[in-house]
Protein backbone atom coordinates (compact mmCIF):
# COMPACT_ATOMS: atom_id res chain seq x y z
CA MET A 1 315.69 172.21 49.70
CA THR A 2 316.95 174.06 52.75
CA VAL A 3 314.88 176.49 54.77
CA ARG A 4 317.15 179.38 53.82
CA ASP A 5 316.87 178.52 50.11
CA ALA A 6 313.09 178.34 50.38
CA ILE A 7 312.89 181.69 52.20
CA SER A 8 315.14 183.36 49.62
CA HIS A 9 313.04 182.08 46.74
CA LEU A 10 309.76 183.03 48.44
CA LEU A 11 311.06 186.56 49.04
CA ARG A 12 311.91 186.80 45.34
CA ARG A 13 308.59 185.33 44.21
CA TYR A 14 306.54 187.56 46.52
CA ALA A 15 308.79 190.63 46.46
CA GLY A 16 307.44 193.59 48.39
CA ALA A 17 305.26 191.50 50.69
CA PHE A 18 304.85 192.24 54.34
CA VAL A 19 306.30 189.14 56.01
CA VAL A 20 305.37 187.61 59.36
CA SER A 21 307.68 184.78 60.42
CA SER A 22 307.01 182.15 63.02
CA CYS A 23 308.93 181.89 66.26
CA GLY A 24 312.17 179.94 66.44
CA TYR A 25 314.72 179.46 63.73
CA LEU A 26 312.51 180.71 60.89
CA SER A 27 312.57 184.24 62.29
CA ARG A 28 316.33 184.04 62.79
CA ASP A 29 316.77 182.85 59.20
CA LEU A 30 314.61 185.64 57.80
CA PHE A 31 316.40 188.24 59.91
CA ALA A 32 319.82 187.02 58.73
CA LEU A 33 318.75 186.85 55.07
CA ALA A 34 316.76 190.05 54.70
CA ASP A 35 316.14 192.29 57.69
CA ARG A 36 313.56 194.91 56.71
CA PRO A 37 311.01 197.05 58.58
CA GLY A 38 308.24 195.24 56.66
CA HIS A 39 309.26 191.94 58.27
CA PHE A 40 307.82 190.95 61.64
CA TYR A 41 309.80 188.36 63.56
CA MET A 42 307.62 186.42 65.99
CA LEU A 43 309.59 185.90 69.18
CA GLY A 44 307.84 183.26 71.25
CA SER A 45 304.10 182.68 70.83
CA MET A 46 304.25 179.43 68.89
CA GLY A 47 301.38 179.07 66.44
CA MET A 48 300.56 182.77 66.33
CA ALA A 49 302.29 183.94 63.12
CA ALA A 50 299.29 183.01 60.96
CA PRO A 51 296.70 184.85 63.10
CA LEU A 52 298.95 187.92 63.20
CA ALA A 53 299.40 187.79 59.42
CA LEU A 54 295.63 187.42 59.05
CA GLY A 55 295.16 190.62 61.04
CA VAL A 56 297.61 192.41 58.76
CA ALA A 57 295.83 191.04 55.68
CA ILE A 58 292.44 192.19 56.98
CA ALA A 59 293.75 195.64 57.89
CA ARG A 60 295.58 195.98 54.57
CA PRO A 61 293.63 194.06 51.88
CA ASP A 62 295.65 195.95 49.25
CA ALA A 63 298.94 194.56 50.57
CA LEU A 64 300.58 191.25 49.81
CA VAL A 65 301.14 189.39 53.11
CA LEU A 66 303.46 186.38 53.40
CA VAL A 67 303.50 184.27 56.54
CA LEU A 68 306.43 181.90 57.11
CA ASP A 69 305.25 179.11 59.39
CA GLY A 70 306.94 175.98 60.65
CA ASP A 71 305.12 172.65 60.53
CA GLY A 72 305.06 172.45 64.33
CA SER A 73 303.69 175.97 64.71
CA PHE A 74 301.17 175.36 61.95
CA VAL A 75 299.79 172.24 63.63
CA MET A 76 299.92 173.97 67.03
CA ASN A 77 297.21 176.39 65.88
CA LEU A 78 295.11 174.75 63.17
CA GLY A 79 292.27 177.00 64.29
CA ALA A 80 294.04 179.83 62.48
CA THR A 81 293.47 178.03 59.19
CA ALA A 82 289.70 178.07 59.79
CA MET A 83 289.85 181.83 60.49
CA ILE A 84 291.93 182.43 57.36
CA ALA A 85 289.59 180.31 55.22
CA SER A 86 286.55 182.12 56.64
CA GLU A 87 287.95 185.64 56.20
CA ALA A 88 289.44 184.78 52.78
CA PRO A 89 291.96 187.63 52.61
CA PRO A 90 292.66 188.25 48.93
CA ARG A 91 296.46 188.56 49.09
CA LEU A 92 297.67 186.23 51.88
CA VAL A 93 300.30 183.57 51.19
CA HIS A 94 300.73 181.06 54.04
CA ALA A 95 304.00 179.14 53.55
CA VAL A 96 304.49 176.09 55.78
CA PHE A 97 308.05 174.79 56.06
CA ASP A 98 307.85 171.07 56.78
CA ASN A 99 310.96 169.31 58.09
CA GLY A 100 309.01 166.93 60.34
CA MET A 101 310.42 168.36 63.57
CA HIS A 102 310.32 171.09 66.16
CA GLU A 103 313.84 172.07 65.20
CA SER A 104 314.48 174.98 67.55
CA THR A 105 313.43 173.09 70.68
CA GLY A 106 315.50 169.95 70.21
CA ALA A 107 314.30 168.24 67.02
CA GLN A 108 311.27 166.51 68.54
CA GLN A 109 309.09 164.92 65.85
CA THR A 110 306.04 166.97 64.84
CA VAL A 111 302.56 165.67 64.29
CA PRO A 112 302.24 165.25 60.51
CA VAL A 113 300.59 168.14 58.71
CA PRO A 114 297.03 167.22 57.68
CA GLY A 115 295.92 167.20 54.06
CA TYR A 116 296.17 170.77 52.85
CA GLY A 117 293.26 170.63 50.41
CA SER A 118 290.79 170.11 53.25
CA LEU A 119 291.63 173.34 55.09
CA GLY A 120 289.47 175.76 53.10
CA TYR A 121 292.10 177.96 51.47
CA ALA A 122 291.27 179.26 47.99
CA THR A 123 294.39 177.58 46.62
CA THR A 124 296.89 175.04 47.95
CA SER A 125 300.19 174.09 46.42
CA CYS A 126 303.30 172.07 47.18
CA ALA A 127 306.67 173.61 46.33
CA PRO A 128 309.45 171.07 46.90
CA ASP A 129 312.14 173.03 45.02
CA PRO A 130 313.08 176.52 43.80
CA ALA A 131 311.53 175.93 40.35
CA ALA A 132 308.16 175.17 41.97
CA ILE A 133 308.40 178.31 44.13
CA ALA A 134 309.12 180.43 41.05
CA VAL A 135 305.80 179.41 39.46
CA LEU A 136 303.58 179.67 42.53
CA PRO A 137 300.43 181.62 41.67
CA ASP A 138 299.61 185.12 42.75
CA PRO A 139 297.10 184.74 45.56
CA ASP A 140 293.46 185.19 44.66
CA GLY A 141 292.17 184.46 48.12
CA PRO A 142 294.38 182.78 50.68
CA LEU A 143 297.12 180.59 49.23
CA LEU A 144 298.59 177.75 51.33
CA VAL A 145 302.01 176.48 50.25
CA HIS A 146 303.57 173.28 51.62
CA LEU A 147 307.38 173.46 51.49
CA PRO A 148 309.12 170.15 52.24
CA VAL A 149 312.56 171.14 53.56
CA VAL A 150 315.53 169.26 54.94
CA PRO A 151 316.64 169.66 58.55
CA ARG A 152 319.48 172.12 58.90
CA VAL A 153 323.01 170.76 59.09
CA ASN A 154 324.58 173.96 60.36
CA GLY A 155 323.55 175.61 63.58
CA PRO A 156 320.92 178.33 63.74
CA GLU A 157 321.49 181.94 62.84
CA PRO A 158 322.23 184.31 65.74
CA ARG A 159 319.33 185.61 67.79
CA ILE A 160 317.58 188.75 66.63
CA GLY A 161 319.38 191.67 68.20
CA ARG A 162 316.49 194.09 68.69
CA PRO A 163 313.88 193.99 71.46
CA PRO A 164 310.31 192.90 70.58
CA ARG A 165 308.86 196.36 71.18
CA GLN A 166 311.24 197.88 68.64
CA LEU A 167 310.44 195.16 66.09
CA ALA A 168 306.71 195.79 66.52
CA THR A 169 307.18 199.57 66.19
CA GLU A 170 309.24 199.20 63.01
CA PHE A 171 306.68 196.84 61.47
CA SER A 172 303.77 199.10 62.42
CA ARG A 173 305.50 202.12 60.92
CA SER A 174 306.19 200.14 57.76
CA LEU A 175 302.50 199.22 57.46
CA ARG A 176 301.41 202.83 57.95
CA GLY A 177 304.13 204.13 55.61
CA ALA A 178 302.88 201.95 52.79
CA VAL A 179 299.46 203.58 53.17
CA THR A 180 300.52 207.19 53.60
CA GLY A 181 303.76 207.15 51.66
CA ALA A 182 305.71 208.23 54.73
CA VAL A 183 307.07 206.47 57.77
CA ARG A 184 306.01 208.11 61.01
């Protein structure tokens, strides 16, 4: 399964979620597939998508939060998994795309992802294809999903064309708008 296919199917499965995507090509892919104010594209800050998504999930326990993380970013900040397990946000889905490489920095091999079941999430699952994504459970506590994906054969999507401050403002307004019913 390709990264883009996996993202598309996750967006369908968890429609309406606030999405935080990891730095690198994942954010570019999400931006190209479905640019929305409720999507936050991490630019830089490897390993920080999960902690940011955790903050959103804590601030908005009523909201479904989907974090798109690369295997390299995930391993870069395994401490975030301990925080997520400890806080146990009820509606957080942490999707880890595993192609075995740091694709956006030159395809260096990543450290293998550790066993998912030992990380303290309420539920863990592996979704190697679209059919498996379609039947992923609704989160009841944090859900960790391992997505084995193939390395891309085409080049990356273009860079995100808006400055980080604007992306943050749009995402913040989207979060507030979902609470108040209006975007400020």
